[in-house]
Protein backbone atom coordinates (compact mmCIF):
# COMPACT_ATOMS: atom_id res chain seq x y z
CA MET A 1 2.60 8.74 -11.83
CA HIS A 2 2.02 9.90 -15.41
CA PRO A 3 -1.58 10.64 -16.65
CA ALA A 4 -2.18 7.30 -18.25
CA GLY A 5 -0.70 5.43 -15.34
CA LEU A 6 -3.04 7.28 -13.02
CA VAL A 7 -6.08 6.34 -15.17
CA THR A 8 -4.93 2.67 -15.39
CA ALA A 9 -4.58 2.45 -11.62
CA ALA A 10 -7.98 4.12 -11.03
CA VAL A 11 -9.74 1.72 -13.36
CA ALA A 12 -8.07 -1.33 -11.87
CA ALA A 13 -9.15 -0.09 -8.46
CA GLY A 14 -12.82 -0.10 -9.57
CA LEU A 15 -13.24 3.63 -8.98
CA ASP A 16 -16.07 5.42 -10.75
CA ALA A 17 -14.32 8.84 -10.36
CA VAL A 18 -10.96 10.27 -9.32
CA ALA A 19 -9.85 13.81 -8.55
CA VAL A 20 -6.47 14.90 -9.87
CA CYS A 21 -4.92 17.47 -7.47
CA ASP A 22 -1.23 18.13 -8.01
CA HIS A 23 0.44 20.57 -5.71
CA ASN A 24 -0.24 24.23 -6.75
CA SER A 25 -0.72 23.23 -10.46
CA ALA A 26 -3.26 21.85 -12.85
CA GLU A 27 -0.96 21.46 -15.86
CA ASN A 28 -1.32 17.61 -15.97
CA ALA A 29 -5.07 17.63 -15.49
CA GLY A 30 -5.99 17.90 -19.12
CA ALA A 31 -3.81 14.93 -20.12
CA VAL A 32 -5.59 12.80 -17.44
CA LEU A 33 -8.93 13.86 -18.84
CA ARG A 34 -7.89 12.80 -22.25
CA ALA A 35 -6.38 9.52 -21.04
CA ALA A 36 -9.71 8.67 -19.40
CA ARG A 37 -12.04 9.37 -22.24
CA ALA A 38 -12.55 5.87 -23.43
CA THR A 39 -12.54 4.21 -19.96
CA GLY A 40 -15.70 5.40 -18.41
CA LEU A 41 -13.73 6.93 -15.57
CA THR A 42 -14.80 10.46 -14.50
CA VAL A 43 -11.90 12.80 -13.85
CA ILE A 44 -12.44 15.82 -11.72
CA PRO A 45 -9.65 18.36 -12.40
CA GLY A 46 -8.28 20.35 -9.54
CA MET A 47 -5.23 21.13 -7.45
CA GLU A 48 -3.95 21.03 -3.90
CA ILE A 49 -3.11 24.62 -2.98
CA THR A 50 -0.66 25.43 -0.16
CA SER A 51 -1.74 28.53 1.77
CA ALA A 52 0.59 31.14 3.34
CA GLU A 53 0.02 29.28 6.56
CA GLU A 54 1.26 26.06 4.92
CA VAL A 55 -2.25 24.56 5.00
CA HIS A 56 -3.25 22.29 2.12
CA ILE A 57 -6.65 23.06 0.57
CA LEU A 58 -8.04 21.01 -2.25
CA GLY A 59 -9.77 22.77 -5.10
CA LEU A 60 -12.14 20.48 -7.00
CA MET A 61 -13.15 22.19 -10.22
CA PRO A 62 -16.14 21.81 -12.58
CA SER A 63 -14.05 21.84 -15.73
CA LEU A 64 -10.45 22.12 -16.97
CA GLU A 65 -11.02 25.69 -17.96
CA ALA A 66 -12.00 26.50 -14.36
CA ALA A 67 -8.97 24.63 -13.04
CA LEU A 68 -6.65 26.48 -15.31
CA GLU A 69 -8.32 29.87 -14.27
CA LEU A 70 -7.69 28.93 -10.61
CA GLN A 71 -4.07 27.92 -11.51
CA SER A 72 -3.49 31.42 -12.84
CA SER A 73 -4.50 32.86 -9.54
CA VAL A 74 -2.26 30.45 -7.68
CA TYR A 75 0.78 31.12 -9.97
CA ARG A 76 0.53 34.87 -9.45
CA ALA A 77 0.82 34.13 -5.64
CA LEU A 78 3.49 31.49 -5.85
CA PRO A 79 7.10 32.79 -5.38
CA GLY A 80 10.35 30.99 -6.02
CA ARG A 81 11.68 28.58 -8.61
CA ASN A 82 12.05 24.86 -8.30
CA ASP A 83 15.34 23.35 -7.02
CA GLU A 84 15.73 20.13 -9.04
CA ARG A 85 18.36 18.81 -6.70
CA ALA A 86 16.03 19.14 -3.71
CA PHE A 87 12.67 18.48 -5.30
CA GLY A 88 13.33 16.68 -8.47
CA LEU A 89 12.00 17.36 -11.94
CA GLN A 90 8.43 18.67 -12.26
CA VAL A 91 7.23 16.90 -15.35
CA ILE A 92 4.43 17.92 -17.65
CA ALA A 93 3.25 14.88 -19.56
CA ASN A 94 0.66 14.08 -22.19
CA GLU A 95 -1.88 11.29 -22.30
CA HIS A 96 0.66 9.03 -23.98
CA ALA A 97 3.19 9.24 -21.08
CA GLU A 98 5.41 11.51 -23.20
CA VAL A 99 7.21 14.34 -21.50
CA VAL A 100 6.19 17.58 -23.11
CA GLY A 101 7.81 20.06 -20.68
CA PHE A 102 8.85 20.97 -17.14
CA ASN A 103 7.38 23.21 -14.59
CA GLN A 104 10.06 25.52 -13.16
CA ARG A 105 7.86 27.05 -10.43
CA LEU A 106 8.38 26.15 -6.77
CA LEU A 107 5.32 23.84 -6.64
CA ALA A 108 6.45 22.42 -3.27
CA GLY A 109 6.34 25.89 -1.74
CA ALA A 110 3.62 28.02 -0.07
CA THR A 111 1.66 30.64 -1.91
CA THR A 112 1.08 34.13 -0.46
CA LEU A 113 -2.62 33.43 -0.19
CA THR A 114 -4.21 33.08 3.15
CA VAL A 115 -6.52 30.12 3.79
CA GLU A 116 -9.45 32.48 3.49
CA GLU A 117 -8.08 33.75 0.16
CA VAL A 118 -7.48 30.28 -1.13
CA VAL A 119 -11.08 29.16 -0.38
CA ALA A 120 -12.40 32.40 -1.92
CA ALA A 121 -10.37 31.85 -5.11
CA ILE A 122 -11.70 28.31 -5.46
CA HIS A 123 -15.30 29.48 -4.92
CA ARG A 124 -14.92 32.28 -7.48
CA THR A 125 -14.19 29.57 -10.14
CA ASN A 126 -17.21 27.61 -9.03
CA GLY A 127 -15.14 24.88 -7.29
CA LEU A 128 -15.42 22.97 -4.01
CA ALA A 129 -13.02 23.87 -1.29
CA VAL A 130 -11.87 20.79 0.84
CA ALA A 131 -9.44 20.88 3.69
CA SER A 132 -6.83 18.20 2.94
CA HIS A 133 -5.89 15.37 5.22
CA VAL A 134 -7.19 17.13 8.45
CA ASP A 135 -5.94 14.22 10.52
CA ARG A 136 -2.23 15.00 9.70
CA GLU A 137 -0.17 17.35 11.65
CA GLY A 138 1.91 18.54 8.68
CA PHE A 139 -0.13 20.77 6.24
CA GLY A 140 -3.44 19.83 7.83
CA ILE A 141 -5.61 22.82 8.79
CA ILE A 142 -5.95 21.79 12.46
CA GLY A 143 -2.29 20.82 12.81
CA GLN A 144 -1.09 24.07 11.26
CA LEU A 145 -3.75 26.51 12.85
CA GLY A 146 -4.92 24.53 15.80
CA MET A 147 -8.59 25.00 14.67
CA ILE A 148 -10.80 25.53 11.65
CA PRO A 149 -11.37 29.32 11.48
CA PRO A 150 -15.06 29.92 12.40
CA ASN A 151 -15.95 31.82 9.31
CA LEU A 152 -13.99 29.75 6.72
CA GLN A 153 -16.41 28.50 4.11
CA LEU A 154 -15.06 25.11 3.49
CA ASP A 155 -17.34 22.57 1.62
CA ALA A 156 -15.87 19.46 3.28
CA LEU A 157 -12.95 17.98 5.31
CA GLU A 158 -10.82 15.21 3.85
CA VAL A 159 -9.46 12.38 6.04
CA SER A 160 -6.41 10.36 5.01
CA PRO A 161 -6.25 6.57 4.88
CA ARG A 162 -4.73 6.58 8.44
CA THR A 163 -7.92 7.61 10.22
CA PRO A 164 -11.33 5.72 10.12
CA LEU A 165 -14.30 7.90 9.65
CA PRO A 166 -15.87 7.12 13.02
CA GLU A 167 -12.68 8.33 14.74
CA ALA A 168 -12.52 11.38 12.50
CA ARG A 169 -16.19 12.26 13.29
CA ALA A 170 -15.32 12.14 17.09
CA ARG A 171 -12.12 14.15 16.68
CA PHE A 172 -12.91 16.79 14.09
CA LEU A 173 -16.59 17.48 14.11
CA GLY A 174 -17.76 19.86 16.87
CA GLU A 175 -20.25 22.62 16.55
CA ARG A 176 -19.78 22.80 12.75
CA GLU A 177 -20.85 19.58 11.07
CA PHE A 178 -18.67 19.47 7.97
CA PRO A 179 -19.11 16.65 5.46
CA LEU A 180 -16.32 14.20 5.80
CA ILE A 181 -14.73 12.47 2.81
CA SER A 182 -12.02 9.78 2.78
CA ALA A 183 -9.34 9.74 0.03
CA SER A 184 -6.12 7.95 -0.77
CA ASP A 185 -3.82 11.09 -1.15
CA ALA A 186 -2.00 8.88 -3.64
CA HIS A 187 1.44 9.97 -4.83
CA GLU A 188 2.13 6.58 -6.54
CA PRO A 189 -0.11 4.41 -8.78
CA LYS A 190 -0.13 1.63 -6.08
CA ASP A 191 -1.91 3.83 -3.74
CA VAL A 192 -4.73 4.92 -5.91
CA GLY A 193 -7.94 3.73 -4.36
CA ARG A 194 -6.36 2.70 -1.01
CA ALA A 195 -9.08 4.82 0.58
CA VAL A 196 -12.34 5.87 -1.00
CA THR A 197 -15.62 7.72 -0.38
CA TYR A 198 -18.95 6.03 -1.25
CA MET A 199 -21.58 8.47 -2.47
CA ARG A 200 -25.24 8.12 -3.57
CA LEU A 201 -25.26 10.02 -6.95
CA GLU A 202 -27.18 10.03 -10.24
CA GLN A 203 -23.77 10.14 -12.01
CA ALA A 204 -20.21 10.82 -11.10
CA SER A 205 -19.74 14.59 -11.60
CA LEU A 206 -18.88 17.64 -9.59
CA PRO A 207 -22.45 19.07 -9.52
CA GLU A 208 -23.65 15.77 -8.20
CA LEU A 209 -20.84 15.77 -5.59
CA ARG A 210 -21.83 19.30 -4.54
CA GLN A 211 -25.38 18.09 -3.87
CA ALA A 212 -24.06 15.07 -1.94
CA LEU A 213 -21.91 17.25 0.32
CA LEU A 214 -25.08 19.39 1.01
CA GLY A 215 -27.26 16.36 1.39
CA ILE A 216 -29.96 17.56 -1.00
CA SER A 217 -32.09 16.06 -3.82
CA GLY A 218 -31.46 12.53 -2.55
CA ARG A 219 -27.67 12.65 -2.93
CA MET A 220 -25.53 11.90 0.04
CA ILE A 221 -22.15 10.82 1.36
CA LEU A 222 -22.61 7.28 2.53
CA GLY A 223 -19.21 6.82 4.14
CA GLY A 224 -15.72 5.80 3.30
CA GLY A 225 -12.53 4.09 4.41
CA LYS A 226 -9.60 1.87 3.38
CA THR A 227 -10.80 -0.66 0.85
CA MET A 228 -9.92 -4.27 1.56
CA GLU A 229 -8.11 -3.32 4.70
CA ASP A 230 -10.80 -2.39 7.23
CA LEU A 231 -12.60 -5.67 7.99
CA ALA A 232 -16.09 -4.06 7.63
CA LEU A 233 -15.33 -3.07 4.03
CA HIS A 234 -14.53 -6.75 3.20
CA ILE A 235 -18.17 -7.41 3.81
CA LEU A 236 -19.15 -5.27 0.86
CA ASP A 237 -17.05 -7.31 -1.55
CA ILE A 238 -18.54 -10.62 -0.20
CA VAL A 239 -22.03 -9.27 -0.39
CA GLN A 240 -21.54 -8.19 -4.02
CA ASN A 241 -20.68 -11.86 -4.64
CA SER A 242 -23.93 -12.80 -3.07
CA VAL A 243 -25.93 -10.27 -5.16
CA GLU A 244 -24.36 -11.50 -8.37
CA ALA A 245 -25.21 -15.08 -7.26
CA GLY A 246 -28.86 -14.07 -7.36
CA SER A 247 -29.40 -13.86 -3.51
CA THR A 248 -32.64 -12.26 -2.28
CA VAL A 249 -31.81 -12.70 1.47
CA ILE A 250 -28.35 -11.93 3.08
CA GLU A 251 -27.53 -12.29 6.70
CA ILE A 252 -24.52 -10.60 8.14
CA SER A 253 -23.14 -11.04 11.66
CA ILE A 254 -20.19 -9.44 13.39
CA ALA A 255 -19.59 -11.10 16.84
CA GLU A 256 -16.95 -9.68 19.16
CA ASP A 257 -16.26 -11.54 22.30
CA PRO A 258 -13.33 -10.24 24.40
CA ALA A 259 -13.89 -13.01 27.01
CA THR A 260 -12.92 -15.72 24.48
CA ASP A 261 -10.63 -13.29 22.52
CA THR A 262 -12.54 -13.84 19.24
CA LEU A 263 -14.01 -11.75 16.47
CA VAL A 264 -16.23 -13.60 13.96
CA ILE A 265 -17.56 -12.22 10.74
CA GLU A 266 -20.25 -14.27 8.92
CA VAL A 267 -22.12 -13.65 5.68
CA SER A 268 -24.70 -16.14 4.46
CA ASP A 269 -27.07 -15.92 1.46
CA ASN A 270 -29.68 -17.92 -0.42
CA GLY A 271 -28.04 -17.48 -3.80
CA ARG A 272 -27.29 -20.20 -6.31
CA GLY A 273 -24.21 -21.37 -4.49
CA MET A 274 -21.26 -23.16 -5.89
CA ASP A 275 -20.33 -26.74 -6.67
CA ALA A 276 -17.55 -28.34 -4.69
CA GLU A 277 -14.82 -27.56 -7.21
CA SER A 278 -15.79 -23.92 -7.41
CA ALA A 279 -16.07 -23.57 -3.71
CA ALA A 280 -12.64 -25.11 -3.26
CA ARG A 281 -11.17 -22.61 -5.71
CA ALA A 282 -13.15 -19.52 -4.48
CA VAL A 283 -10.40 -18.37 -2.10
CA ASP A 284 -7.84 -18.32 -4.97
CA PRO A 285 -7.15 -14.70 -5.85
CA PHE A 286 -6.97 -15.60 -9.59
CA PHE A 287 -10.28 -17.33 -9.73
CA THR A 288 -13.50 -15.58 -10.19
CA THR A 289 -16.92 -16.24 -11.84
CA ARG A 290 -17.36 -12.49 -12.25
CA ALA A 291 -17.40 -10.88 -15.69
CA THR A 292 -16.98 -7.44 -14.05
CA ARG A 293 -13.30 -7.87 -12.94
CA ARG A 294 -10.29 -9.77 -13.94
CA VAL A 295 -9.63 -11.16 -10.47
CA GLY A 296 -11.78 -11.62 -7.34
CA LEU A 297 -9.52 -10.70 -4.48
CA GLY A 298 -12.17 -10.31 -1.77
CA LEU A 299 -12.22 -13.87 -0.19
CA ALA A 300 -8.51 -14.34 -0.64
CA LEU A 301 -7.59 -11.14 1.13
CA LEU A 302 -10.14 -11.79 3.95
CA GLY A 303 -8.67 -15.24 4.44
CA GLU A 304 -5.19 -13.76 4.50
CA ALA A 305 -6.30 -11.17 7.09
CA ALA A 306 -7.89 -13.82 9.29
CA ARG A 307 -4.79 -16.04 9.22
CA ALA A 308 -2.52 -13.04 10.03
CA ALA A 309 -4.61 -12.54 13.16
CA GLY A 310 -4.52 -16.21 14.33
CA GLY A 311 -7.82 -17.15 12.71
CA GLU A 312 -9.10 -18.82 9.68
CA LEU A 313 -11.64 -18.51 6.75
CA LYS A 314 -14.37 -21.13 6.11
CA LEU A 315 -16.53 -21.33 3.01
CA GLU A 316 -19.58 -23.62 2.88
CA SER A 317 -21.65 -23.68 -0.38
CA ARG A 318 -23.77 -26.02 -2.44
CA SER A 319 -25.31 -25.54 -5.77
CA GLY A 320 -28.77 -24.21 -5.43
CA ALA A 321 -28.46 -23.93 -1.67
CA GLY A 322 -26.60 -20.66 -0.96
CA THR A 323 -23.22 -19.78 0.48
CA ARG A 324 -21.92 -19.11 3.89
CA VAL A 325 -18.52 -17.44 4.61
CA SER A 326 -17.11 -17.24 8.12
CA ALA A 327 -13.90 -15.50 9.13
CA THR A 328 -12.48 -15.85 12.66
CA PHE A 329 -9.82 -13.65 14.23
CA ARG A 330 -8.16 -13.34 17.60
CA HIS A 331 -9.75 -10.19 18.87
CA SER A 332 -6.56 -8.95 20.65
CA HIS A 333 -4.12 -10.03 18.06
CA ILE A 334 -1.53 -7.26 17.17
CA ASP A 335 -1.94 -7.99 13.50
CA ARG A 336 -5.76 -7.95 13.48
CA ALA A 337 -6.99 -5.41 10.95
CA PRO A 338 -9.34 -2.70 12.33
CA LEU A 339 -13.03 -3.43 12.13
CA GLY A 340 -13.52 -0.12 10.36
CA ASP A 341 -16.57 1.86 9.72
CA ILE A 342 -19.72 -0.33 10.11
CA GLU A 343 -21.88 2.65 9.24
CA THR A 344 -20.30 2.89 5.75
CA THR A 345 -20.72 -0.77 5.12
CA ILE A 346 -24.29 -1.04 6.01
CA MET A 347 -25.31 2.32 4.39
CA VAL A 348 -23.64 1.34 1.11
CA LEU A 349 -25.09 -2.05 1.14
CA MET A 350 -28.65 -0.95 1.82
CA ALA A 351 -28.56 2.14 -0.37
CA SER A 352 -27.19 0.16 -3.32
CA HIS A 353 -29.71 -2.80 -2.93
CA PRO A 354 -32.85 -1.36 -1.35
CA ASP A 355 -34.95 -4.40 -2.49
CA LEU A 356 -32.68 -6.86 -0.87
CA LEU A 357 -33.70 -8.49 2.42
CA VAL A 358 -30.77 -7.90 4.69
CA ARG A 359 -30.30 -8.87 8.35
CA PHE A 360 -27.43 -7.35 10.20
CA ARG A 361 -26.32 -8.11 13.75
CA HIS A 362 -23.35 -6.69 15.64
CA SER A 363 -22.62 -8.09 19.09
CA LEU A 364 -20.04 -7.27 21.77
CA GLY A 365 -20.10 -9.94 24.45
CA THR A 366 -23.73 -10.21 25.65
CA LEU A 367 -24.74 -6.87 24.11
CA TRP A 368 -26.03 -6.63 20.55
CA TYR A 369 -28.20 -4.62 18.09
CA GLU A 370 -29.82 -5.71 14.89
CA ILE A 371 -31.02 -4.08 11.73
CA ASP A 372 -33.55 -5.95 9.51
CA THR A 373 -34.70 -4.39 6.31
CA HIS A 374 -37.98 -6.34 6.50
CA GLU A 375 -38.78 -4.77 9.80
CA LEU A 376 -37.72 -1.38 8.52
CA ARG A 377 -40.16 -1.69 5.58
CA ALA A 378 -42.83 -2.85 7.91
CA ALA A 379 -42.33 0.32 9.88
CA GLY A 380 -42.87 2.42 6.73
CA ILE A 381 -39.24 3.22 6.25
CA ASP A 382 -38.29 3.55 2.58
CA LEU A 383 -34.59 2.78 2.16
CA TRP A 384 -34.61 4.41 -1.27
CA SER A 385 -35.51 7.84 0.14
CA PRO A 386 -33.20 10.29 1.91
CA ASP A 387 -35.35 10.21 4.99
CA GLY A 388 -35.26 6.46 5.16
CA LEU A 389 -31.46 6.40 4.76
CA GLY A 390 -31.24 9.06 7.32
CA ALA A 391 -33.24 6.91 9.76
CA LEU A 392 -31.01 3.99 8.97
CA ARG A 393 -27.88 6.10 9.65
CA LYS A 394 -29.33 7.12 12.96
CA ALA A 395 -30.11 3.64 13.92
CA ILE A 396 -26.63 2.36 13.04
CA ARG A 397 -24.87 5.20 14.99
CA LYS A 398 -27.04 4.52 18.01
CA GLY A 399 -26.27 0.78 17.91
CA GLU A 400 -22.57 1.34 17.51
CA ALA A 401 -22.45 4.05 20.17
CA ASP A 402 -24.23 1.79 22.64
CA LEU A 403 -21.85 -1.09 22.01
CA GLN A 404 -18.78 1.21 22.25
CA GLY A 405 -20.09 2.94 25.36
CA ALA A 406 -20.32 -0.45 27.11
CA SER A 407 -16.90 -1.68 25.97
């Protein structure tokens, strides 16, 4: 994964920003920054530091200079030399994918810095300290230490693609409410963007991220998850189609019925719709009316997920009369993708399009809850304000908790 390859993969995944965190080194971060200059992709330089306890801590840095300053502290505390037979070559590359050198330090090893010293070193260089993949036994802080030390000043916890954020909230957040982010932990280009965090920011930058983690000045973490794998996140892609079709009203329904062993996801809109030919071709992964991406994979992937779980995808659309998408799954099917984080889906949707009229309903058997932006506005809730989005988050969590509590 050379610098230009990383940038290409991040842009193809539709990311606004990516953090580059090699193990115990930032020597390739500058090349990634240079490779991204003309792309619009924001690159946050950093590194993944291994503490003396073999805990991985991400240091997200405000500049390349700060990352290299942190690197100096890490190198002074990093014993040993690389064994190329065991760990391979540790390549330093430029933005043109040319090899310019090799790092001979034992980057796969642990530093002599304790977790407290690692976090302090990151903060001394004005960085953000994030505990890596806390859901993993190996190198995760809870797996290694059995807990998060009570006085450790972490800025956030990172969850790997294997764990949905609702599960992570239940497992890892106790008395200390750390912000949770979801990330790909990619070691190959194909894995870049396999899990993402959605944020409400003015621009993609570390200062904005810092405010989002603190939940101040209107910035916030909206949620995260595995893009185009969790079923809930498929909804975001379909809704974006509706928005680009000029819709002003969008209705979303998730109906789970264990009695009939069905899960049905429906999205309907009042947009401009499609003619018969376009509707027939819309599930083709290489057909799209969008100018913002080369291919539109959303419907094709949702259809593939439905068929893998013994179901089907239906598309109904007429020019000038809107579009309706319905995906049916066997609820108990072993290959059914997880529903995922409903909270993320609805928070991102409503925070991104506060003027859109959205009706969302989630049912489980005979139980259900509903969120209607028209009713929220009538109650004086401003979905563009932090307080309004906070009220929305609270309503979603209550609705989901009530459904899960009854299941």
